Amino acid sequence: MSSSVESQTSSSSPSEQLLSVAVIVLRQAVDLVDNYLISDDQLTQHSQSIPGSTIGKHLRHARDHFLLLVDCMSLPEPHPLCYDVRVRNQPMETSLQAARTALEETIARLEEVVFSHGLEERITLTAITPFSNVLQTTFGRELWFASLHCVHHWSMVRVVASELGIQLTDDFGFAPSTLVFQGREGALGCNKAKI
């Protein structure tokens, strides 16, 4: 696979398109760690607006959804998945280098898994709502969900970063549909698709 997933066009396969969105969103976090945050302390600074929230916690939590999805695909069918599994207090929550490494490893694992499984491959999702519900879904749907879930957490990262006086790129934390609707350019914006 090309190292430039972001350059995929609308003629790409659906698998390539969904992978491209996931990689773009995860690379936004790599860019945050590499070019906007200057100290490990910024990962652990608690938000004044979102109680208990830190940039590091959001990075880890959003990344976890991709890992849980990738891991479930290595299990036998019906590929059991539960997003409610939490492994908190990971090094990526407190270390810029650990965050960068974890994000890059997640991208590499996604690139390995996406093309070895069809988007329609079935997954059995267990959701605690607080009642335990078992739902049938697909790999493609969950890959899209993980990407949008990530964007949702990037919007909260944007709030915490703003509290720290850090101004992020205009598209950080905005869903592709919002960027397209607003006619905004960018990796996930209107130059890619029309709604």
N, C-alpha and C. Protein backbone atom coordinates (compact mmCIF):
# COMPACT_ATOMS: atom_id res chain seq x y z
N MET A 1 0.84 -1.18 0.00
CA MET A 1 0.00 0.00 0.00
C MET A 1 0.87 1.23 0.00
N SER A 2 0.47 2.23 -0.73
CA SER A 2 1.20 3.49 -0.81
C SER A 2 1.22 4.17 0.55
N SER A 3 2.33 4.85 0.82
CA SER A 3 2.42 5.57 2.10
C SER A 3 1.56 6.82 2.08
N SER A 4 1.02 7.16 0.95
CA SER A 4 0.20 8.37 0.84
C SER A 4 -1.27 8.01 0.69
N VAL A 5 -1.83 7.42 1.74
CA VAL A 5 -3.24 7.05 1.72
C VAL A 5 -4.10 8.27 1.50
N GLU A 6 -3.64 9.43 2.00
CA GLU A 6 -4.42 10.65 1.88
C GLU A 6 -4.66 11.06 0.43
N SER A 7 -3.86 10.56 -0.50
CA SER A 7 -3.99 10.98 -1.89
C SER A 7 -5.02 10.15 -2.66
N GLN A 8 -5.73 9.24 -1.99
CA GLN A 8 -6.71 8.42 -2.67
C GLN A 8 -7.79 9.30 -3.29
N THR A 9 -8.28 8.91 -4.44
CA THR A 9 -9.29 9.68 -5.14
C THR A 9 -10.65 9.01 -5.02
N SER A 10 -11.66 9.67 -5.56
CA SER A 10 -13.00 9.12 -5.50
C SER A 10 -13.13 7.85 -6.32
N SER A 11 -12.14 7.54 -7.17
CA SER A 11 -12.18 6.29 -7.93
C SER A 11 -11.62 5.12 -7.14
N SER A 12 -11.18 5.37 -5.92
CA SER A 12 -10.66 4.32 -5.06
C SER A 12 -11.79 3.38 -4.64
N SER A 13 -11.41 2.20 -4.20
CA SER A 13 -12.41 1.25 -3.71
C SER A 13 -12.98 1.75 -2.39
N PRO A 14 -14.16 1.27 -2.01
CA PRO A 14 -14.72 1.66 -0.71
C PRO A 14 -13.76 1.34 0.44
N SER A 15 -13.06 0.22 0.38
CA SER A 15 -12.09 -0.10 1.44
C SER A 15 -11.00 0.95 1.51
N GLU A 16 -10.48 1.35 0.36
CA GLU A 16 -9.44 2.38 0.32
C GLU A 16 -9.96 3.71 0.84
N GLN A 17 -11.21 4.04 0.50
CA GLN A 17 -11.79 5.30 0.95
C GLN A 17 -11.96 5.32 2.47
N LEU A 18 -12.51 4.24 3.03
CA LEU A 18 -12.70 4.20 4.49
C LEU A 18 -11.37 4.18 5.22
N LEU A 19 -10.40 3.45 4.69
CA LEU A 19 -9.07 3.45 5.29
C LEU A 19 -8.46 4.84 5.22
N SER A 20 -8.65 5.51 4.10
CA SER A 20 -8.11 6.85 3.93
C SER A 20 -8.64 7.80 5.00
N VAL A 21 -9.94 7.75 5.26
CA VAL A 21 -10.53 8.61 6.28
C VAL A 21 -9.93 8.29 7.65
N ALA A 22 -9.84 7.01 7.98
CA ALA A 22 -9.28 6.60 9.28
C ALA A 22 -7.84 7.09 9.43
N VAL A 23 -7.05 6.92 8.38
CA VAL A 23 -5.64 7.31 8.44
C VAL A 23 -5.52 8.83 8.53
N ILE A 24 -6.32 9.55 7.77
CA ILE A 24 -6.26 11.02 7.83
C ILE A 24 -6.57 11.50 9.25
N VAL A 25 -7.61 10.95 9.85
CA VAL A 25 -8.00 11.37 11.19
C VAL A 25 -6.91 11.02 12.21
N LEU A 26 -6.35 9.84 12.11
CA LEU A 26 -5.26 9.47 13.03
C LEU A 26 -4.01 10.31 12.79
N ARG A 27 -3.75 10.65 11.54
CA ARG A 27 -2.58 11.49 11.23
C ARG A 27 -2.77 12.92 11.77
N GLN A 28 -4.02 13.36 11.89
CA GLN A 28 -4.26 14.65 12.54
C GLN A 28 -3.71 14.62 13.96
N ALA A 29 -3.88 13.50 14.64
CA ALA A 29 -3.36 13.38 16.01
C ALA A 29 -1.84 13.32 16.02
N VAL A 30 -1.26 12.63 15.04
CA VAL A 30 0.21 12.59 14.94
C VAL A 30 0.73 14.01 14.72
N ASP A 31 0.05 14.76 13.85
CA ASP A 31 0.44 16.15 13.60
C ASP A 31 0.32 16.99 14.87
N LEU A 32 -0.74 16.77 15.63
CA LEU A 32 -0.93 17.47 16.91
C LEU A 32 0.26 17.21 17.83
N VAL A 33 0.63 15.95 17.97
CA VAL A 33 1.72 15.56 18.86
C VAL A 33 3.07 16.09 18.36
N ASP A 34 3.27 16.04 17.06
CA ASP A 34 4.56 16.46 16.48
C ASP A 34 4.73 17.97 16.37
N ASN A 35 3.64 18.68 16.09
CA ASN A 35 3.78 20.09 15.69
C ASN A 35 3.05 21.11 16.55
N TYR A 36 2.20 20.67 17.45
CA TYR A 36 1.43 21.62 18.26
C TYR A 36 1.70 21.51 19.75
N LEU A 37 1.86 20.29 20.22
CA LEU A 37 2.16 20.09 21.64
C LEU A 37 3.68 20.13 21.82
N ILE A 38 4.12 20.84 22.85
CA ILE A 38 5.57 20.98 23.03
C ILE A 38 6.09 20.31 24.30
N SER A 39 5.16 19.82 25.15
CA SER A 39 5.61 19.13 26.36
C SER A 39 4.62 18.04 26.75
N ASP A 40 5.14 17.02 27.42
CA ASP A 40 4.29 15.94 27.91
C ASP A 40 3.19 16.47 28.83
N ASP A 41 3.48 17.52 29.57
CA ASP A 41 2.50 18.08 30.50
C ASP A 41 1.21 18.49 29.81
N GLN A 42 1.30 18.89 28.55
CA GLN A 42 0.09 19.31 27.83
C GLN A 42 -0.87 18.14 27.60
N LEU A 43 -0.36 16.93 27.61
CA LEU A 43 -1.22 15.75 27.46
C LEU A 43 -2.06 15.50 28.71
N THR A 44 -1.59 15.95 29.85
CA THR A 44 -2.26 15.63 31.12
C THR A 44 -2.95 16.83 31.77
N GLN A 45 -2.93 17.96 31.11
CA GLN A 45 -3.59 19.17 31.63
C GLN A 45 -5.11 18.96 31.58
N HIS A 46 -5.76 19.06 32.73
CA HIS A 46 -7.20 18.84 32.80
C HIS A 46 -7.97 20.03 32.24
N SER A 47 -9.01 19.72 31.49
CA SER A 47 -9.86 20.74 30.90
C SER A 47 -10.68 21.43 31.98
N GLN A 48 -10.89 22.73 31.80
CA GLN A 48 -11.78 23.47 32.67
C GLN A 48 -13.23 23.32 32.22
N SER A 49 -13.43 23.05 30.94
CA SER A 49 -14.78 22.97 30.37
C SER A 49 -15.35 21.56 30.36
N ILE A 50 -14.47 20.56 30.26
CA ILE A 50 -14.91 19.16 30.18
C ILE A 50 -14.28 18.41 31.35
N PRO A 51 -15.00 18.26 32.46
CA PRO A 51 -14.42 17.66 33.67
C PRO A 51 -13.77 16.29 33.40
N GLY A 52 -12.55 16.12 33.94
CA GLY A 52 -11.83 14.86 33.81
C GLY A 52 -11.16 14.64 32.47
N SER A 53 -11.31 15.60 31.59
CA SER A 53 -10.83 15.46 30.22
C SER A 53 -9.40 15.98 30.07
N THR A 54 -8.57 15.19 29.37
CA THR A 54 -7.23 15.64 28.99
C THR A 54 -7.00 15.27 27.53
N ILE A 55 -6.07 15.93 26.89
CA ILE A 55 -5.75 15.58 25.51
C ILE A 55 -5.28 14.13 25.44
N GLY A 56 -4.42 13.72 26.37
CA GLY A 56 -3.91 12.36 26.36
C GLY A 56 -5.00 11.31 26.48
N LYS A 57 -5.98 11.55 27.34
CA LYS A 57 -7.08 10.60 27.50
C LYS A 57 -7.90 10.48 26.22
N HIS A 58 -8.14 11.61 25.55
CA HIS A 58 -8.90 11.56 24.30
C HIS A 58 -8.12 10.85 23.21
N LEU A 59 -6.83 11.09 23.12
CA LEU A 59 -6.01 10.40 22.12
C LEU A 59 -6.07 8.89 22.34
N ARG A 60 -5.89 8.47 23.58
CA ARG A 60 -5.91 7.04 23.89
C ARG A 60 -7.27 6.42 23.63
N HIS A 61 -8.32 7.07 24.10
CA HIS A 61 -9.66 6.51 23.96
C HIS A 61 -10.06 6.37 22.49
N ALA A 62 -9.81 7.39 21.70
CA ALA A 62 -10.17 7.33 20.27
C ALA A 62 -9.35 6.25 19.57
N ARG A 63 -8.07 6.18 19.87
CA ARG A 63 -7.20 5.15 19.28
C ARG A 63 -7.67 3.76 19.66
N ASP A 64 -8.14 3.60 20.91
CA ASP A 64 -8.59 2.29 21.39
C ASP A 64 -9.69 1.69 20.52
N HIS A 65 -10.59 2.51 20.03
CA HIS A 65 -11.68 1.98 19.21
C HIS A 65 -11.15 1.32 17.94
N PHE A 66 -10.16 1.94 17.33
CA PHE A 66 -9.54 1.32 16.15
C PHE A 66 -8.87 0.00 16.53
N LEU A 67 -8.16 -0.02 17.64
CA LEU A 67 -7.46 -1.25 18.06
C LEU A 67 -8.44 -2.36 18.40
N LEU A 68 -9.52 -2.03 19.09
CA LEU A 68 -10.52 -3.04 19.41
C LEU A 68 -11.11 -3.64 18.14
N LEU A 69 -11.35 -2.80 17.14
CA LEU A 69 -11.88 -3.28 15.86
C LEU A 69 -10.87 -4.19 15.17
N VAL A 70 -9.63 -3.75 15.08
CA VAL A 70 -8.57 -4.54 14.45
C VAL A 70 -8.42 -5.88 15.18
N ASP A 71 -8.39 -5.83 16.50
CA ASP A 71 -8.21 -7.05 17.29
C ASP A 71 -9.37 -8.03 17.09
N CYS A 72 -10.59 -7.53 17.01
CA CYS A 72 -11.74 -8.43 16.86
C CYS A 72 -11.68 -9.18 15.53
N MET A 73 -11.08 -8.57 14.52
CA MET A 73 -11.01 -9.22 13.21
C MET A 73 -10.03 -10.39 13.21
N SER A 74 -9.18 -10.47 14.22
CA SER A 74 -8.26 -11.61 14.32
C SER A 74 -8.91 -12.78 15.05
N LEU A 75 -10.08 -12.56 15.62
CA LEU A 75 -10.82 -13.61 16.32
C LEU A 75 -11.70 -14.35 15.32
N PRO A 76 -12.07 -15.59 15.65
CA PRO A 76 -12.94 -16.33 14.73
C PRO A 76 -14.30 -15.66 14.57
N GLU A 77 -14.94 -15.94 13.44
CA GLU A 77 -16.29 -15.43 13.24
C GLU A 77 -17.16 -15.92 14.38
N PRO A 78 -18.03 -15.11 14.89
CA PRO A 78 -18.58 -13.88 14.32
C PRO A 78 -17.84 -12.61 14.73
N HIS A 79 -16.54 -12.66 14.94
CA HIS A 79 -15.72 -11.50 15.28
C HIS A 79 -16.36 -10.66 16.40
N PRO A 80 -16.32 -11.16 17.65
CA PRO A 80 -16.93 -10.41 18.75
C PRO A 80 -16.19 -9.10 19.04
N LEU A 81 -16.97 -8.04 19.22
CA LEU A 81 -16.42 -6.70 19.46
C LEU A 81 -17.19 -6.04 20.59
N CYS A 82 -16.46 -5.42 21.49
CA CYS A 82 -17.08 -4.62 22.56
C CYS A 82 -16.23 -3.38 22.77
N TYR A 83 -16.79 -2.22 22.44
CA TYR A 83 -16.07 -0.96 22.61
C TYR A 83 -15.99 -0.53 24.07
N ASP A 84 -16.74 -1.21 24.94
CA ASP A 84 -16.75 -0.82 26.34
C ASP A 84 -15.53 -1.32 27.11
N VAL A 85 -14.68 -2.07 26.46
CA VAL A 85 -13.42 -2.51 27.07
C VAL A 85 -12.52 -1.27 27.20
N ARG A 86 -11.98 -1.07 28.39
CA ARG A 86 -11.13 0.10 28.61
C ARG A 86 -9.81 -0.33 29.22
N VAL A 87 -8.74 0.16 28.67
CA VAL A 87 -7.41 -0.01 29.26
C VAL A 87 -6.87 1.40 29.45
N ARG A 88 -7.11 1.93 30.64
CA ARG A 88 -6.75 3.32 30.92
C ARG A 88 -5.31 3.42 31.42
N ASN A 89 -4.89 4.68 31.58
CA ASN A 89 -3.56 4.99 32.12
C ASN A 89 -2.44 4.38 31.29
N GLN A 90 -2.55 4.51 29.99
CA GLN A 90 -1.53 4.03 29.06
C GLN A 90 -0.45 5.10 28.87
N PRO A 91 0.77 4.70 28.53
CA PRO A 91 1.85 5.69 28.34
C PRO A 91 1.49 6.79 27.34
N MET A 92 0.67 6.48 26.33
CA MET A 92 0.34 7.50 25.34
C MET A 92 -0.48 8.65 25.92
N GLU A 93 -1.02 8.47 27.12
CA GLU A 93 -1.79 9.53 27.76
C GLU A 93 -0.88 10.57 28.41
N THR A 94 0.39 10.21 28.62
CA THR A 94 1.29 11.09 29.37
C THR A 94 2.60 11.41 28.65
N SER A 95 2.86 10.79 27.52
CA SER A 95 4.12 10.97 26.81
C SER A 95 3.88 11.25 25.33
N LEU A 96 4.43 12.35 24.84
CA LEU A 96 4.29 12.68 23.42
C LEU A 96 4.88 11.59 22.55
N GLN A 97 6.05 11.09 22.92
CA GLN A 97 6.69 10.04 22.12
C GLN A 97 5.86 8.76 22.12
N ALA A 98 5.34 8.39 23.28
CA ALA A 98 4.50 7.19 23.36
C ALA A 98 3.21 7.38 22.56
N ALA A 99 2.65 8.58 22.59
CA ALA A 99 1.44 8.86 21.82
C ALA A 99 1.72 8.73 20.33
N ARG A 100 2.82 9.31 19.89
CA ARG A 100 3.18 9.23 18.47
C ARG A 100 3.36 7.77 18.05
N THR A 101 4.10 7.02 18.84
CA THR A 101 4.35 5.62 18.53
C THR A 101 3.05 4.82 18.48
N ALA A 102 2.18 5.01 19.47
CA ALA A 102 0.91 4.28 19.51
C ALA A 102 0.04 4.62 18.31
N LEU A 103 -0.01 5.88 17.93
CA LEU A 103 -0.82 6.28 16.77
C LEU A 103 -0.26 5.71 15.48
N GLU A 104 1.05 5.76 15.30
CA GLU A 104 1.67 5.21 14.09
C GLU A 104 1.47 3.69 14.01
N GLU A 105 1.59 3.01 15.15
CA GLU A 105 1.36 1.56 15.17
C GLU A 105 -0.09 1.23 14.81
N THR A 106 -1.01 2.04 15.27
CA THR A 106 -2.43 1.83 14.95
C THR A 106 -2.67 2.00 13.46
N ILE A 107 -2.08 3.02 12.86
CA ILE A 107 -2.21 3.22 11.42
C ILE A 107 -1.67 2.01 10.67
N ALA A 108 -0.51 1.53 11.06
CA ALA A 108 0.10 0.37 10.40
C ALA A 108 -0.79 -0.87 10.52
N ARG A 109 -1.37 -1.08 11.70
CA ARG A 109 -2.25 -2.24 11.89
C ARG A 109 -3.52 -2.11 11.05
N LEU A 110 -4.07 -0.91 10.98
CA LEU A 110 -5.25 -0.71 10.13
C LEU A 110 -4.93 -1.02 8.67
N GLU A 111 -3.80 -0.54 8.20
CA GLU A 111 -3.41 -0.77 6.81
C GLU A 111 -3.24 -2.26 6.52
N GLU A 112 -2.81 -3.04 7.51
CA GLU A 112 -2.67 -4.49 7.34
C GLU A 112 -4.03 -5.18 7.29
N VAL A 113 -4.95 -4.75 8.14
CA VAL A 113 -6.20 -5.47 8.34
C VAL A 113 -7.27 -5.12 7.30
N VAL A 114 -7.33 -3.87 6.89
CA VAL A 114 -8.45 -3.42 6.05
C VAL A 114 -8.57 -4.25 4.77
N PHE A 115 -7.47 -4.55 4.13
CA PHE A 115 -7.56 -5.24 2.85
C PHE A 115 -7.62 -6.76 2.98
N SER A 116 -7.49 -7.28 4.20
CA SER A 116 -7.62 -8.72 4.39
C SER A 116 -9.03 -9.11 4.83
N HIS A 117 -9.90 -8.13 4.97
CA HIS A 117 -11.29 -8.39 5.37
C HIS A 117 -12.22 -7.56 4.50
N GLY A 118 -13.31 -8.17 4.07
CA GLY A 118 -14.31 -7.44 3.30
C GLY A 118 -15.10 -6.50 4.19
N LEU A 119 -15.55 -5.40 3.60
CA LEU A 119 -16.33 -4.43 4.37
C LEU A 119 -17.63 -5.02 4.89
N GLU A 120 -18.16 -6.02 4.19
CA GLU A 120 -19.42 -6.64 4.60
C GLU A 120 -19.23 -7.79 5.58
N GLU A 121 -17.99 -8.07 5.97
CA GLU A 121 -17.74 -9.15 6.92
C GLU A 121 -18.44 -8.85 8.24
N ARG A 122 -19.14 -9.86 8.75
CA ARG A 122 -20.01 -9.68 9.91
C ARG A 122 -19.21 -9.58 11.21
N ILE A 123 -19.71 -8.73 12.09
CA ILE A 123 -19.17 -8.56 13.44
C ILE A 123 -20.35 -8.64 14.40
N THR A 124 -20.13 -9.28 15.54
CA THR A 124 -21.13 -9.29 16.61
C THR A 124 -20.67 -8.30 17.67
N LEU A 125 -21.42 -7.22 17.79
CA LEU A 125 -21.08 -6.13 18.70
C LEU A 125 -21.89 -6.27 19.98
N THR A 126 -21.21 -6.24 21.11
CA THR A 126 -21.88 -6.20 22.41
C THR A 126 -21.77 -4.78 22.92
N ALA A 127 -22.92 -4.19 23.23
CA ALA A 127 -22.96 -2.80 23.70
C ALA A 127 -23.61 -2.77 25.08
N ILE A 128 -22.99 -2.04 25.98
CA ILE A 128 -23.55 -1.85 27.32
C ILE A 128 -24.24 -0.49 27.32
N THR A 129 -25.57 -0.50 27.48
CA THR A 129 -26.33 0.73 27.24
C THR A 129 -27.11 1.34 28.42
N PRO A 130 -27.21 0.94 29.62
CA PRO A 130 -26.40 0.06 30.46
C PRO A 130 -26.78 -1.41 30.37
N PHE A 131 -27.79 -1.75 29.59
CA PHE A 131 -28.16 -3.15 29.42
C PHE A 131 -27.25 -3.75 28.36
N SER A 132 -26.95 -5.02 28.50
CA SER A 132 -26.10 -5.67 27.50
C SER A 132 -26.95 -5.98 26.27
N ASN A 133 -26.55 -5.42 25.15
CA ASN A 133 -27.23 -5.64 23.88
C ASN A 133 -26.25 -6.26 22.90
N VAL A 134 -26.71 -7.24 22.14
CA VAL A 134 -25.88 -7.87 21.12
C VAL A 134 -26.46 -7.49 19.77
N LEU A 135 -25.62 -6.88 18.94
CA LEU A 135 -26.05 -6.36 17.65
C LEU A 135 -25.18 -6.93 16.54
N GLN A 136 -25.77 -7.13 15.38
CA GLN A 136 -25.01 -7.56 14.21
C GLN A 136 -24.63 -6.32 13.39
N THR A 137 -23.39 -6.28 12.97
CA THR A 137 -22.89 -5.14 12.22
C THR A 137 -21.86 -5.65 11.22
N THR A 138 -21.16 -4.75 10.56
CA THR A 138 -20.15 -5.15 9.58
C THR A 138 -18.83 -4.44 9.86
N PHE A 139 -17.77 -4.99 9.31
CA PHE A 139 -16.45 -4.40 9.46
C PHE A 139 -16.43 -2.98 8.88
N GLY A 140 -17.01 -2.78 7.71
CA GLY A 140 -17.02 -1.45 7.08
C GLY A 140 -17.75 -0.43 7.92
N ARG A 141 -18.90 -0.81 8.44
CA ARG A 141 -19.68 0.11 9.27
C ARG A 141 -18.89 0.49 10.52
N GLU A 142 -18.22 -0.46 11.13
CA GLU A 142 -17.46 -0.18 12.36
C GLU A 142 -16.19 0.62 12.08
N LEU A 143 -15.59 0.42 10.92
CA LEU A 143 -14.43 1.24 10.55
C LEU A 143 -14.86 2.70 10.39
N TRP A 144 -16.01 2.92 9.76
CA TRP A 144 -16.55 4.27 9.62
C TRP A 144 -16.89 4.86 10.99
N PHE A 145 -17.54 4.04 11.85
CA PHE A 145 -17.87 4.51 13.19
C PHE A 145 -16.62 4.92 13.96
N ALA A 146 -15.57 4.10 13.91
CA ALA A 146 -14.34 4.42 14.65
C ALA A 146 -13.75 5.74 14.17
N SER A 147 -13.84 6.02 12.88
CA SER A 147 -13.33 7.29 12.35
C SER A 147 -14.15 8.47 12.85
N LEU A 148 -15.47 8.35 12.81
CA LEU A 148 -16.32 9.45 13.28
C LEU A 148 -16.22 9.61 14.80
N HIS A 149 -16.09 8.51 15.51
CA HIS A 149 -15.88 8.57 16.96
C HIS A 149 -14.59 9.34 17.26
N CYS A 150 -13.58 9.08 16.45
CA CYS A 150 -12.29 9.77 16.59
C CYS A 150 -12.47 11.28 16.38
N VAL A 151 -13.18 11.66 15.33
CA VAL A 151 -13.43 13.07 15.05
C VAL A 151 -14.15 13.72 16.23
N HIS A 152 -15.11 13.03 16.79
CA HIS A 152 -15.85 13.53 17.96
C HIS A 152 -14.87 13.83 19.10
N HIS A 153 -13.93 12.94 19.35
CA HIS A 153 -12.95 13.19 20.42
C HIS A 153 -11.96 14.27 20.03
N TRP A 154 -11.65 14.39 18.74
CA TRP A 154 -10.76 15.48 18.32
C TRP A 154 -11.43 16.83 18.57
N SER A 155 -12.76 16.89 18.48
CA SER A 155 -13.43 18.16 18.78
C SER A 155 -13.24 18.53 20.25
N MET A 156 -13.21 17.54 21.12
CA MET A 156 -12.94 17.82 22.54
C MET A 156 -11.47 18.14 22.77
N VAL A 157 -10.59 17.49 22.02
CA VAL A 157 -9.16 17.84 22.08
C VAL A 157 -9.00 19.30 21.68
N ARG A 158 -9.77 19.72 20.68
CA ARG A 158 -9.71 21.11 20.21
C ARG A 158 -10.05 22.08 21.35
N VAL A 159 -11.05 21.73 22.16
CA VAL A 159 -11.44 22.58 23.30
C VAL A 159 -10.31 22.65 24.31
N VAL A 160 -9.74 21.50 24.68
CA VAL A 160 -8.66 21.48 25.66
C VAL A 160 -7.45 22.24 25.12
N ALA A 161 -7.12 22.02 23.86
CA ALA A 161 -5.99 22.73 23.25
C ALA A 161 -6.22 24.24 23.29
N SER A 162 -7.44 24.67 23.01
CA SER A 162 -7.76 26.10 23.06
C SER A 162 -7.55 26.65 24.47
N GLU A 163 -7.94 25.88 25.47
CA GLU A 163 -7.72 26.30 26.86
C GLU A 163 -6.23 26.46 27.16
N LEU A 164 -5.40 25.70 26.45
CA LEU A 164 -3.94 25.78 26.64
C LEU A 164 -3.31 26.83 25.72
N GLY A 165 -4.15 27.55 24.97
CA GLY A 165 -3.64 28.58 24.07
C GLY A 165 -3.08 28.03 22.77
N ILE A 166 -3.48 26.81 22.41
CA ILE A 166 -2.99 26.16 21.19
C ILE A 166 -4.08 26.26 20.13
N GLN A 167 -3.76 26.86 19.00
CA GLN A 167 -4.71 26.97 17.90
C GLN A 167 -4.40 25.87 16.88
N LEU A 168 -5.38 25.00 16.64
CA LEU A 168 -5.21 23.88 15.73
C LEU A 168 -5.68 24.25 14.32
N THR A 169 -5.44 23.36 13.37
CA THR A 169 -5.87 23.59 12.00
C THR A 169 -7.39 23.71 11.94
N ASP A 170 -7.89 24.38 10.92
CA ASP A 170 -9.32 24.65 10.80
C ASP A 170 -10.17 23.40 10.67
N ASP A 171 -9.60 22.30 10.19
CA ASP A 171 -10.40 21.09 9.99
C ASP A 171 -10.29 20.08 11.13
N PHE A 172 -9.44 20.35 12.12
CA PHE A 172 -9.25 19.42 13.23
C PHE A 172 -10.52 19.36 14.08
N GLY A 173 -11.08 18.16 14.23
CA GLY A 173 -12.26 17.98 15.06
C GLY A 173 -13.58 18.25 14.35
N PHE A 174 -13.55 18.29 13.03
CA PHE A 174 -14.78 18.49 12.26
C PHE A 174 -15.04 17.27 11.39
N ALA A 175 -16.29 16.81 11.38
CA ALA A 175 -16.67 15.65 10.59
C ALA A 175 -16.56 15.95 9.10
N PRO A 176 -16.25 14.93 8.30
CA PRO A 176 -16.20 15.14 6.85
C PRO A 176 -17.49 15.76 6.29
N SER A 177 -18.64 15.31 6.78
CA SER A 177 -19.90 15.85 6.26
C SER A 177 -20.04 17.33 6.56
N THR A 178 -19.55 17.77 7.71
CA THR A 178 -19.59 19.19 8.07
C THR A 178 -18.68 19.99 7.15
N LEU A 179 -17.47 19.49 6.93
CA LEU A 179 -16.52 20.19 6.06
C LEU A 179 -17.05 20.30 4.64
N VAL A 180 -17.65 19.22 4.14
CA VAL A 180 -18.21 19.24 2.78
C VAL A 180 -19.40 20.21 2.72
N PHE A 181 -20.30 20.14 3.71
CA PHE A 181 -21.46 21.02 3.75
C PHE A 181 -21.05 22.49 3.76
N GLN A 182 -20.00 22.79 4.51
CA GLN A 182 -19.52 24.17 4.60
C GLN A 182 -18.64 24.58 3.42
N GLY A 183 -18.39 23.64 2.51
CA GLY A 183 -17.58 23.95 1.34
C GLY A 183 -16.12 24.18 1.67
N ARG A 184 -15.66 23.58 2.76
CA ARG A 184 -14.28 23.78 3.20
C ARG A 184 -13.35 22.78 2.53
N GLU A 185 -12.19 23.27 2.14
CA GLU A 185 -11.16 22.43 1.52
C GLU A 185 -10.45 21.63 2.60
N GLY A 186 -9.72 20.63 2.19
CA GLY A 186 -8.91 19.85 3.12
C GLY A 186 -8.98 18.38 2.79
N ALA A 187 -8.22 17.61 3.53
CA ALA A 187 -8.14 16.18 3.28
C ALA A 187 -9.50 15.49 3.39
N LEU A 188 -10.37 16.01 4.23
CA LEU A 188 -11.71 15.44 4.38
C LEU A 188 -12.80 16.39 3.90
N GLY A 189 -12.42 17.45 3.22
CA GLY A 189 -13.36 18.49 2.82
C GLY A 189 -13.92 18.33 1.42
N CYS A 190 -14.43 19.45 0.89
CA CYS A 190 -15.20 19.43 -0.35
C CYS A 190 -14.39 19.07 -1.58
N ASN A 191 -13.08 19.10 -1.52
CA ASN A 191 -12.33 18.70 -2.69
C ASN A 191 -12.32 17.18 -2.85
N LYS A 192 -12.89 16.45 -1.90
CA LYS A 192 -12.94 14.99 -1.98
C LYS A 192 -14.30 14.48 -2.43
N ALA A 193 -15.39 15.09 -1.98
CA ALA A 193 -16.71 14.54 -2.26
C ALA A 193 -17.76 15.62 -2.16
N LYS A 194 -18.91 15.32 -2.68
CA LYS A 194 -20.08 16.20 -2.57
C LYS A 194 -21.20 15.43 -1.88
N ILE A 195 -21.93 16.14 -1.02
CA ILE A 195 -23.08 15.51 -0.36
C ILE A 195 -24.33 16.07 -0.99
